Amino acid sequence: MGSNEQTVLQFVPSPASVSARVHPLVIFNICDCYVRRPDQAERVIGTLLGSVLPDGTVDIRNSYAVPHNESSDQVALDIDYHHNMLSSTRRFSTGRVTGGSALIHEFYSREVSNPVHLTVDTEFRSGNAAIKAFVSVSLSLGDLQLAAQFQEIPLDLRMVEAEQIGCMYLSGLVV
């Protein structure tokens, strides 16, 4: 390697225009799955269904839970269940982004290009359901991809008036 040659460590950014819009039904589904999860499960994992709009926004309209087993260093999704559900009806995780989240994201990256990772604070720790969306950004050294990092993207929660009332009730603002 000559003295003028350098290898640069860089993040390969995702498209700058990526954003997501989630419909309230998705949040309700996620919260319902969380409440009904097995006692030993800390979170639920599932599939988000939607499409990419002409402006690049990911429009998330529906979801379903995918049974899984999880340990500190492994996540095992019931892939047959996922494929059966996907063929009959198309990706989510409650909690926060963790090391296991990368494994889940890697699985969905094989299913669709540039999946969105959605997290929902189903325990309402901050007084409301904190909802965040992420995409994966590659970390590479020259031509070698070393790792990926989650980058938060803008998220728009779209509701009609009836859905707004339901969300107010869900968050405890209406008794």
N, C-alpha and C. Protein backbone atom coordinates (compact mmCIF):
# COMPACT_ATOMS: atom_id res chain seq x y z
N MET A 1 0.85 -1.17 0.00
CA MET A 1 0.00 0.00 0.00
C MET A 1 0.89 1.23 0.00
N GLY A 2 0.74 2.11 -0.97
CA GLY A 2 1.54 3.32 -1.06
C GLY A 2 1.23 4.29 0.06
N SER A 3 2.13 5.24 0.29
CA SER A 3 1.95 6.17 1.40
C SER A 3 0.78 7.13 1.19
N ASN A 4 0.32 7.33 -0.04
CA ASN A 4 -0.80 8.23 -0.32
C ASN A 4 -2.15 7.52 -0.28
N GLU A 5 -2.16 6.18 -0.23
CA GLU A 5 -3.41 5.45 -0.22
C GLU A 5 -3.99 5.40 1.18
N GLN A 6 -5.31 5.61 1.29
CA GLN A 6 -5.98 5.57 2.57
C GLN A 6 -7.25 4.72 2.45
N THR A 7 -7.58 4.04 3.52
CA THR A 7 -8.85 3.35 3.59
C THR A 7 -9.71 4.15 4.54
N VAL A 8 -10.91 4.51 4.09
CA VAL A 8 -11.78 5.39 4.85
C VAL A 8 -12.91 4.59 5.48
N LEU A 9 -13.11 4.80 6.78
CA LEU A 9 -14.25 4.22 7.48
C LEU A 9 -15.42 5.17 7.30
N GLN A 10 -16.53 4.67 6.77
CA GLN A 10 -17.64 5.57 6.48
C GLN A 10 -18.99 4.90 6.72
N PHE A 11 -19.97 5.74 7.05
CA PHE A 11 -21.36 5.30 7.11
C PHE A 11 -21.96 5.55 5.75
N VAL A 12 -22.60 4.53 5.20
CA VAL A 12 -23.29 4.69 3.93
C VAL A 12 -24.72 5.09 4.27
N PRO A 13 -25.08 6.35 4.02
CA PRO A 13 -26.40 6.82 4.44
C PRO A 13 -27.52 6.18 3.64
N SER A 14 -28.66 6.08 4.30
CA SER A 14 -29.86 5.64 3.59
C SER A 14 -30.38 6.84 2.82
N PRO A 15 -31.32 6.61 1.90
CA PRO A 15 -31.85 7.74 1.16
C PRO A 15 -32.36 8.83 2.10
N ALA A 16 -31.95 10.07 1.85
CA ALA A 16 -32.28 11.19 2.74
C ALA A 16 -33.78 11.43 2.81
N SER A 17 -34.50 11.03 1.80
CA SER A 17 -35.93 11.32 1.76
C SER A 17 -36.79 10.26 2.45
N VAL A 18 -36.16 9.28 3.11
CA VAL A 18 -36.93 8.22 3.75
C VAL A 18 -37.65 8.76 4.97
N SER A 19 -38.94 8.51 5.02
CA SER A 19 -39.74 8.82 6.19
C SER A 19 -40.86 7.78 6.24
N ALA A 20 -41.56 7.74 7.36
CA ALA A 20 -42.62 6.74 7.50
C ALA A 20 -43.88 7.41 8.02
N ARG A 21 -45.01 6.86 7.64
CA ARG A 21 -46.31 7.29 8.15
C ARG A 21 -47.00 6.04 8.67
N VAL A 22 -47.45 6.09 9.92
CA VAL A 22 -48.09 4.92 10.52
C VAL A 22 -49.53 5.25 10.87
N HIS A 23 -50.41 4.33 10.56
CA HIS A 23 -51.83 4.51 10.84
C HIS A 23 -52.13 3.96 12.25
N PRO A 24 -53.10 4.53 12.94
CA PRO A 24 -53.40 4.14 14.33
C PRO A 24 -53.70 2.65 14.51
N LEU A 25 -54.30 2.01 13.53
CA LEU A 25 -54.58 0.58 13.64
C LEU A 25 -53.31 -0.20 13.97
N VAL A 26 -52.21 0.21 13.39
CA VAL A 26 -50.93 -0.47 13.63
C VAL A 26 -50.55 -0.34 15.11
N ILE A 27 -50.69 0.85 15.67
CA ILE A 27 -50.34 1.07 17.08
C ILE A 27 -51.26 0.25 17.97
N PHE A 28 -52.55 0.25 17.67
CA PHE A 28 -53.49 -0.56 18.44
C PHE A 28 -53.13 -2.04 18.37
N ASN A 29 -52.80 -2.55 17.17
CA ASN A 29 -52.41 -3.95 17.01
C ASN A 29 -51.18 -4.28 17.85
N ILE A 30 -50.19 -3.41 17.80
CA ILE A 30 -48.95 -3.64 18.55
C ILE A 30 -49.23 -3.66 20.05
N CYS A 31 -49.98 -2.69 20.53
CA CYS A 31 -50.31 -2.64 21.96
C CYS A 31 -51.12 -3.87 22.38
N ASP A 32 -52.06 -4.30 21.55
CA ASP A 32 -52.87 -5.49 21.85
C ASP A 32 -51.98 -6.73 21.92
N CYS A 33 -51.07 -6.87 20.96
CA CYS A 33 -50.16 -8.02 20.97
C CYS A 33 -49.26 -7.99 22.21
N TYR A 34 -48.85 -6.80 22.62
CA TYR A 34 -47.99 -6.67 23.79
C TYR A 34 -48.74 -7.11 25.06
N VAL A 35 -49.98 -6.68 25.20
CA VAL A 35 -50.77 -7.04 26.37
C VAL A 35 -51.00 -8.55 26.41
N ARG A 36 -51.15 -9.19 25.25
CA ARG A 36 -51.44 -10.62 25.18
C ARG A 36 -50.20 -11.50 25.04
N ARG A 37 -49.01 -10.92 25.11
CA ARG A 37 -47.78 -11.69 24.92
C ARG A 37 -47.61 -12.72 26.04
N PRO A 38 -46.82 -13.77 25.80
CA PRO A 38 -46.54 -14.76 26.86
C PRO A 38 -45.86 -14.07 28.05
N ASP A 39 -46.10 -14.58 29.25
CA ASP A 39 -45.57 -13.96 30.47
C ASP A 39 -44.06 -13.77 30.44
N GLN A 40 -43.33 -14.72 29.86
CA GLN A 40 -41.87 -14.63 29.88
C GLN A 40 -41.31 -13.69 28.80
N ALA A 41 -42.12 -13.23 27.87
CA ALA A 41 -41.65 -12.37 26.78
C ALA A 41 -41.56 -10.91 27.24
N GLU A 42 -40.42 -10.28 26.97
CA GLU A 42 -40.25 -8.87 27.31
C GLU A 42 -40.83 -7.95 26.23
N ARG A 43 -40.92 -8.45 25.00
CA ARG A 43 -41.42 -7.64 23.91
C ARG A 43 -42.12 -8.52 22.89
N VAL A 44 -42.76 -7.87 21.94
CA VAL A 44 -43.34 -8.59 20.81
C VAL A 44 -42.62 -8.15 19.55
N ILE A 45 -42.57 -9.06 18.60
CA ILE A 45 -41.93 -8.80 17.31
C ILE A 45 -42.97 -9.13 16.25
N GLY A 46 -43.00 -8.36 15.17
CA GLY A 46 -43.98 -8.64 14.15
C GLY A 46 -43.64 -8.03 12.82
N THR A 47 -44.58 -8.13 11.93
CA THR A 47 -44.43 -7.66 10.56
C THR A 47 -45.33 -6.45 10.32
N LEU A 48 -44.75 -5.43 9.72
CA LEU A 48 -45.51 -4.24 9.33
C LEU A 48 -45.93 -4.40 7.88
N LEU A 49 -47.15 -4.01 7.58
CA LEU A 49 -47.68 -4.12 6.22
C LEU A 49 -47.95 -2.71 5.69
N GLY A 50 -47.58 -2.49 4.45
CA GLY A 50 -47.83 -1.19 3.85
C GLY A 50 -47.20 -1.11 2.48
N SER A 51 -46.91 0.11 2.08
CA SER A 51 -46.33 0.34 0.76
C SER A 51 -45.49 1.61 0.79
N VAL A 52 -44.70 1.77 -0.27
CA VAL A 52 -43.90 2.99 -0.42
C VAL A 52 -44.64 3.91 -1.36
N LEU A 53 -44.93 5.13 -0.89
CA LEU A 53 -45.64 6.11 -1.69
C LEU A 53 -44.70 6.73 -2.72
N PRO A 54 -45.24 7.38 -3.76
CA PRO A 54 -44.39 7.97 -4.79
C PRO A 54 -43.33 8.95 -4.26
N ASP A 55 -43.62 9.63 -3.13
CA ASP A 55 -42.64 10.57 -2.58
C ASP A 55 -41.58 9.89 -1.71
N GLY A 56 -41.61 8.55 -1.61
CA GLY A 56 -40.63 7.80 -0.84
C GLY A 56 -41.06 7.49 0.59
N THR A 57 -42.20 8.01 1.03
CA THR A 57 -42.69 7.75 2.37
C THR A 57 -43.17 6.32 2.48
N VAL A 58 -42.77 5.64 3.55
CA VAL A 58 -43.26 4.29 3.81
C VAL A 58 -44.58 4.43 4.56
N ASP A 59 -45.66 3.98 3.96
CA ASP A 59 -47.01 4.10 4.52
C ASP A 59 -47.37 2.77 5.19
N ILE A 60 -47.34 2.75 6.54
CA ILE A 60 -47.57 1.52 7.31
C ILE A 60 -49.04 1.48 7.70
N ARG A 61 -49.78 0.49 7.19
CA ARG A 61 -51.23 0.43 7.37
C ARG A 61 -51.73 -0.71 8.26
N ASN A 62 -50.94 -1.77 8.45
CA ASN A 62 -51.41 -2.90 9.25
C ASN A 62 -50.20 -3.64 9.81
N SER A 63 -50.46 -4.65 10.65
CA SER A 63 -49.36 -5.39 11.27
C SER A 63 -49.88 -6.70 11.83
N TYR A 64 -48.96 -7.61 12.12
CA TYR A 64 -49.30 -8.82 12.87
C TYR A 64 -48.06 -9.27 13.65
N ALA A 65 -48.30 -9.92 14.78
CA ALA A 65 -47.21 -10.44 15.62
C ALA A 65 -46.67 -11.72 15.03
N VAL A 66 -45.37 -11.97 15.26
CA VAL A 66 -44.72 -13.21 14.84
C VAL A 66 -44.16 -13.88 16.10
N PRO A 67 -44.59 -15.11 16.40
CA PRO A 67 -44.06 -15.80 17.57
C PRO A 67 -42.53 -15.92 17.48
N HIS A 68 -41.88 -15.80 18.64
CA HIS A 68 -40.43 -15.88 18.67
C HIS A 68 -39.93 -16.33 20.04
N ASN A 69 -38.69 -16.77 20.07
CA ASN A 69 -37.96 -17.06 21.31
C ASN A 69 -36.72 -16.19 21.27
N GLU A 70 -36.38 -15.63 22.44
CA GLU A 70 -35.29 -14.67 22.47
C GLU A 70 -34.43 -14.90 23.70
N SER A 71 -33.10 -14.84 23.50
CA SER A 71 -32.14 -14.86 24.60
C SER A 71 -31.26 -13.64 24.44
N SER A 72 -30.24 -13.50 25.28
CA SER A 72 -29.41 -12.30 25.23
C SER A 72 -28.66 -12.14 23.91
N ASP A 73 -28.37 -13.26 23.22
CA ASP A 73 -27.60 -13.15 21.98
C ASP A 73 -28.27 -13.78 20.77
N GLN A 74 -29.51 -14.25 20.91
CA GLN A 74 -30.19 -14.88 19.79
C GLN A 74 -31.67 -14.51 19.75
N VAL A 75 -32.19 -14.44 18.53
CA VAL A 75 -33.62 -14.26 18.31
C VAL A 75 -34.04 -15.30 17.29
N ALA A 76 -35.01 -16.13 17.65
CA ALA A 76 -35.50 -17.17 16.73
C ALA A 76 -36.95 -16.87 16.41
N LEU A 77 -37.20 -16.41 15.19
CA LEU A 77 -38.56 -16.12 14.73
C LEU A 77 -39.18 -17.39 14.16
N ASP A 78 -40.48 -17.52 14.30
CA ASP A 78 -41.21 -18.62 13.67
C ASP A 78 -41.43 -18.23 12.22
N ILE A 79 -40.47 -18.57 11.38
CA ILE A 79 -40.46 -18.13 9.98
C ILE A 79 -41.62 -18.73 9.20
N ASP A 80 -41.98 -19.98 9.48
CA ASP A 80 -43.12 -20.59 8.79
C ASP A 80 -44.40 -19.82 9.09
N TYR A 81 -44.60 -19.45 10.36
CA TYR A 81 -45.77 -18.67 10.74
C TYR A 81 -45.78 -17.34 9.98
N HIS A 82 -44.62 -16.67 9.97
CA HIS A 82 -44.51 -15.39 9.26
C HIS A 82 -44.89 -15.54 7.78
N HIS A 83 -44.33 -16.54 7.13
CA HIS A 83 -44.62 -16.72 5.70
C HIS A 83 -46.09 -17.07 5.46
N ASN A 84 -46.69 -17.85 6.34
CA ASN A 84 -48.11 -18.16 6.21
C ASN A 84 -48.97 -16.91 6.37
N MET A 85 -48.65 -16.10 7.37
CA MET A 85 -49.40 -14.85 7.58
C MET A 85 -49.20 -13.90 6.42
N LEU A 86 -47.98 -13.80 5.94
CA LEU A 86 -47.68 -12.89 4.84
C LEU A 86 -48.41 -13.29 3.58
N SER A 87 -48.48 -14.58 3.32
CA SER A 87 -49.15 -15.02 2.11
C SER A 87 -50.66 -14.85 2.20
N SER A 88 -51.21 -14.86 3.39
CA SER A 88 -52.66 -14.68 3.53
C SER A 88 -53.05 -13.22 3.71
N THR A 89 -52.27 -12.37 4.03
CA THR A 89 -52.68 -10.96 4.18
C THR A 89 -51.97 -9.96 3.27
N ARG A 90 -48.22 -8.05 5.12
CA ARG A 90 -46.75 -8.00 4.96
C ARG A 90 -46.02 -7.49 6.23
N ARG A 91 -43.90 -5.42 9.03
CA ARG A 91 -42.73 -5.86 9.80
C ARG A 91 -42.61 -4.98 11.08
N PHE A 92 -42.65 -5.38 13.13
CA PHE A 92 -42.64 -4.44 14.22
C PHE A 92 -42.01 -5.01 15.46
N SER A 93 -41.60 -4.21 16.39
CA SER A 93 -41.00 -4.64 17.65
C SER A 93 -41.38 -3.66 18.74
N THR A 94 -41.81 -4.15 19.90
CA THR A 94 -42.10 -3.24 20.99
C THR A 94 -40.84 -3.07 21.82
N GLY A 95 -40.74 -1.96 22.48
CA GLY A 95 -39.59 -1.71 23.33
C GLY A 95 -38.63 -0.75 22.70
N ARG A 96 -37.37 -1.13 22.65
CA ARG A 96 -36.33 -0.23 22.15
C ARG A 96 -35.42 -0.99 21.19
N VAL A 97 -34.57 -0.25 20.50
CA VAL A 97 -33.61 -0.87 19.59
C VAL A 97 -32.50 -1.47 20.44
N THR A 98 -32.24 -2.78 20.25
CA THR A 98 -31.21 -3.50 21.00
C THR A 98 -30.35 -4.28 20.03
N GLY A 99 -29.40 -5.04 20.55
CA GLY A 99 -28.57 -5.90 19.69
C GLY A 99 -29.41 -6.90 18.93
N GLY A 100 -30.45 -7.45 19.58
CA GLY A 100 -31.34 -8.38 18.92
C GLY A 100 -32.12 -7.73 17.79
N SER A 101 -32.32 -6.42 17.87
CA SER A 101 -33.04 -5.71 16.83
C SER A 101 -32.32 -5.82 15.49
N ALA A 102 -31.00 -5.83 15.53
CA ALA A 102 -30.23 -5.96 14.29
C ALA A 102 -30.49 -7.31 13.64
N LEU A 103 -30.62 -8.37 14.44
CA LEU A 103 -30.92 -9.70 13.89
C LEU A 103 -32.30 -9.72 13.24
N ILE A 104 -33.26 -9.09 13.90
CA ILE A 104 -34.62 -9.02 13.35
C ILE A 104 -34.60 -8.23 12.05
N HIS A 105 -33.89 -7.09 12.06
CA HIS A 105 -33.82 -6.24 10.87
C HIS A 105 -33.14 -6.97 9.72
N GLU A 106 -32.11 -7.77 10.04
CA GLU A 106 -31.41 -8.54 9.01
C GLU A 106 -32.36 -9.54 8.35
N PHE A 107 -33.20 -10.20 9.17
CA PHE A 107 -34.18 -11.13 8.61
C PHE A 107 -35.10 -10.41 7.64
N TYR A 108 -35.66 -9.28 8.05
CA TYR A 108 -36.60 -8.56 7.19
C TYR A 108 -35.91 -7.95 5.98
N SER A 109 -34.61 -7.69 6.07
CA SER A 109 -33.86 -7.19 4.91
C SER A 109 -33.79 -8.23 3.80
N ARG A 110 -33.89 -9.50 4.17
CA ARG A 110 -33.93 -10.56 3.16
C ARG A 110 -35.31 -10.68 2.53
N GLU A 111 -36.33 -10.16 3.23
CA GLU A 111 -37.71 -10.24 2.76
C GLU A 111 -38.08 -9.06 1.85
N VAL A 112 -37.64 -7.86 2.23
CA VAL A 112 -37.93 -6.64 1.46
C VAL A 112 -36.71 -5.74 1.49
N SER A 113 -36.60 -4.84 0.51
CA SER A 113 -35.48 -3.91 0.52
C SER A 113 -35.77 -2.77 1.49
N ASN A 114 -34.76 -2.37 2.25
CA ASN A 114 -34.81 -1.26 3.19
C ASN A 114 -36.03 -1.28 4.12
N PRO A 115 -36.16 -2.31 4.96
CA PRO A 115 -37.31 -2.37 5.88
C PRO A 115 -37.25 -1.26 6.93
N VAL A 116 -38.39 -0.93 7.48
CA VAL A 116 -38.49 0.06 8.55
C VAL A 116 -38.63 -0.70 9.87
N HIS A 117 -37.85 -0.29 10.87
CA HIS A 117 -37.92 -0.88 12.22
C HIS A 117 -38.71 0.11 13.08
N LEU A 118 -39.87 -0.31 13.57
CA LEU A 118 -40.76 0.56 14.35
C LEU A 118 -40.73 0.10 15.80
N THR A 119 -40.52 1.05 16.73
CA THR A 119 -40.60 0.73 18.16
C THR A 119 -41.73 1.53 18.78
N VAL A 120 -42.43 0.88 19.73
CA VAL A 120 -43.54 1.51 20.43
C VAL A 120 -43.34 1.28 21.93
N ASP A 121 -43.35 2.35 22.73
CA ASP A 121 -43.27 2.21 24.18
C ASP A 121 -44.65 1.83 24.68
N THR A 122 -44.91 0.52 24.75
CA THR A 122 -46.24 0.02 25.11
C THR A 122 -46.52 0.14 26.60
N GLU A 123 -45.52 0.50 27.40
CA GLU A 123 -45.73 0.68 28.83
C GLU A 123 -45.99 2.15 29.19
N PHE A 124 -45.97 3.03 28.18
CA PHE A 124 -46.27 4.45 28.36
C PHE A 124 -45.41 5.07 29.48
N ARG A 125 -44.10 4.76 29.49
CA ARG A 125 -43.19 5.25 30.53
C ARG A 125 -43.14 6.77 30.58
N SER A 126 -43.26 7.42 29.43
CA SER A 126 -43.17 8.88 29.39
C SER A 126 -44.56 9.53 29.45
N GLY A 127 -45.59 8.75 29.72
CA GLY A 127 -46.95 9.29 29.78
C GLY A 127 -47.69 9.16 28.47
N ASN A 128 -46.99 8.75 27.43
CA ASN A 128 -47.65 8.49 26.15
C ASN A 128 -46.89 7.37 25.44
N ALA A 129 -47.44 6.92 24.34
CA ALA A 129 -46.79 5.84 23.59
C ALA A 129 -45.73 6.44 22.69
N ALA A 130 -44.47 6.43 23.14
CA ALA A 130 -43.37 6.94 22.31
C ALA A 130 -43.20 5.99 21.13
N ILE A 131 -43.34 6.52 19.93
CA ILE A 131 -43.27 5.71 18.71
C ILE A 131 -42.13 6.25 17.86
N LYS A 132 -41.21 5.38 17.46
CA LYS A 132 -40.06 5.79 16.65
C LYS A 132 -39.88 4.82 15.49
N ALA A 133 -39.36 5.33 14.38
CA ALA A 133 -39.07 4.51 13.20
C ALA A 133 -37.59 4.63 12.87
N PHE A 134 -36.99 3.51 12.42
CA PHE A 134 -35.57 3.47 12.11
C PHE A 134 -35.34 2.73 10.80
N VAL A 135 -34.26 3.08 10.12
CA VAL A 135 -33.76 2.31 8.99
C VAL A 135 -32.30 1.98 9.29
N SER A 136 -31.77 1.01 8.60
CA SER A 136 -30.40 0.58 8.81
C SER A 136 -29.45 1.37 7.92
N VAL A 137 -28.31 1.80 8.51
CA VAL A 137 -27.27 2.51 7.78
C VAL A 137 -26.01 1.67 7.89
N SER A 138 -25.37 1.38 6.76
CA SER A 138 -24.18 0.52 6.74
C SER A 138 -22.92 1.28 7.15
N LEU A 139 -22.08 0.60 7.93
CA LEU A 139 -20.75 1.10 8.28
C LEU A 139 -19.76 0.26 7.49
N SER A 140 -18.96 0.92 6.65
CA SER A 140 -18.04 0.16 5.82
C SER A 140 -16.63 0.73 5.91
N LEU A 141 -15.67 -0.14 5.65
CA LEU A 141 -14.26 0.22 5.58
C LEU A 141 -13.83 -0.12 4.17
N GLY A 142 -13.71 0.91 3.35
CA GLY A 142 -13.45 0.67 1.94
C GLY A 142 -14.64 -0.04 1.33
N ASP A 143 -14.41 -1.19 0.71
CA ASP A 143 -15.48 -1.98 0.12
C ASP A 143 -16.05 -3.03 1.08
N LEU A 144 -15.52 -3.12 2.28
CA LEU A 144 -15.93 -4.13 3.25
C LEU A 144 -16.98 -3.57 4.20
N GLN A 145 -18.17 -4.19 4.21
CA GLN A 145 -19.21 -3.76 5.14
C GLN A 145 -18.92 -4.38 6.49
N LEU A 146 -18.77 -3.53 7.53
CA LEU A 146 -18.42 -4.01 8.87
C LEU A 146 -19.63 -4.21 9.76
N ALA A 147 -20.57 -3.30 9.68
CA ALA A 147 -21.71 -3.34 10.60
C ALA A 147 -22.82 -2.45 10.06
N ALA A 148 -23.88 -2.39 10.82
CA ALA A 148 -25.00 -1.51 10.47
C ALA A 148 -25.41 -0.77 11.74
N GLN A 149 -25.94 0.41 11.55
CA GLN A 149 -26.41 1.23 12.66
C GLN A 149 -27.83 1.67 12.34
N PHE A 150 -28.69 1.73 13.37
CA PHE A 150 -30.04 2.21 13.15
C PHE A 150 -30.05 3.74 13.16
N GLN A 151 -30.70 4.30 12.17
CA GLN A 151 -30.86 5.75 12.06
C GLN A 151 -32.34 6.06 12.15
N GLU A 152 -32.71 6.93 13.10
CA GLU A 152 -34.11 7.30 13.25
C GLU A 152 -34.54 8.14 12.05
N ILE A 153 -35.75 7.88 11.57
CA ILE A 153 -36.30 8.63 10.45
C ILE A 153 -37.57 9.33 10.90
N PRO A 154 -37.97 10.40 10.20
CA PRO A 154 -39.21 11.08 10.56
C PRO A 154 -40.40 10.13 10.48
N LEU A 155 -41.30 10.27 11.45
CA LEU A 155 -42.49 9.41 11.52
C LEU A 155 -43.71 10.29 11.71
N ASP A 156 -44.71 10.06 10.88
CA ASP A 156 -45.95 10.83 10.92
C ASP A 156 -47.08 9.90 11.30
N LEU A 157 -47.77 10.20 12.41
CA LEU A 157 -48.91 9.39 12.83
C LEU A 157 -50.16 10.06 12.27
N ARG A 158 -50.76 9.45 11.26
CA ARG A 158 -51.93 10.01 10.56
C ARG A 158 -53.22 9.48 11.15
N MET A 159 -54.15 10.39 11.49
CA MET A 159 -55.43 9.97 12.07
C MET A 159 -56.58 10.83 11.58
N VAL A 160 -57.73 10.18 11.42
CA VAL A 160 -58.97 10.92 11.22
C VAL A 160 -59.53 11.19 12.63
N GLU A 161 -60.58 11.99 12.74
CA GLU A 161 -61.08 12.41 14.06
C GLU A 161 -61.42 11.23 14.97
N ALA A 162 -62.10 10.22 14.45
CA ALA A 162 -62.47 9.07 15.28
C ALA A 162 -61.22 8.36 15.82
N GLU A 163 -60.17 8.28 15.03
CA GLU A 163 -58.94 7.65 15.48
C GLU A 163 -58.25 8.50 16.54
N GLN A 164 -58.32 9.82 16.41
CA GLN A 164 -57.73 10.70 17.42
C GLN A 164 -58.38 10.48 18.78
N ILE A 165 -59.70 10.31 18.80
CA ILE A 165 -60.42 10.07 20.05
C ILE A 165 -59.97 8.74 20.65
N GLY A 166 -59.84 7.71 19.82
CA GLY A 166 -59.37 6.41 20.30
C GLY A 166 -57.97 6.49 20.87
N CYS A 167 -57.09 7.24 20.22
CA CYS A 167 -55.72 7.39 20.72
C CYS A 167 -55.69 8.17 22.03
N MET A 168 -56.55 9.17 22.18
CA MET A 168 -56.64 9.91 23.43
C MET A 168 -57.08 8.97 24.54
N TYR A 169 -58.04 8.10 24.24
CA TYR A 169 -58.51 7.13 25.23
C TYR A 169 -57.40 6.17 25.60
N LEU A 170 -56.68 5.67 24.59
CA LEU A 170 -55.59 4.73 24.82
C LEU A 170 -54.51 5.35 25.69
N SER A 171 -54.20 6.61 25.49
CA SER A 171 -53.12 7.24 26.24
C SER A 171 -53.59 7.73 27.61
N GLY A 172 -54.86 7.53 27.96
CA GLY A 172 -55.33 7.90 29.29
C GLY A 172 -55.82 9.32 29.41
N LEU A 173 -55.93 10.03 28.30
CA LEU A 173 -56.41 11.42 28.36
C LEU A 173 -57.91 11.48 28.52
N VAL A 174 -58.60 10.41 28.14
CA VAL A 174 -60.06 10.34 28.27
C VAL A 174 -60.37 9.19 29.22
N VAL A 175 -61.17 9.44 30.22
CA VAL A 175 -61.51 8.38 31.20
C VAL A 175 -62.96 8.00 31.08
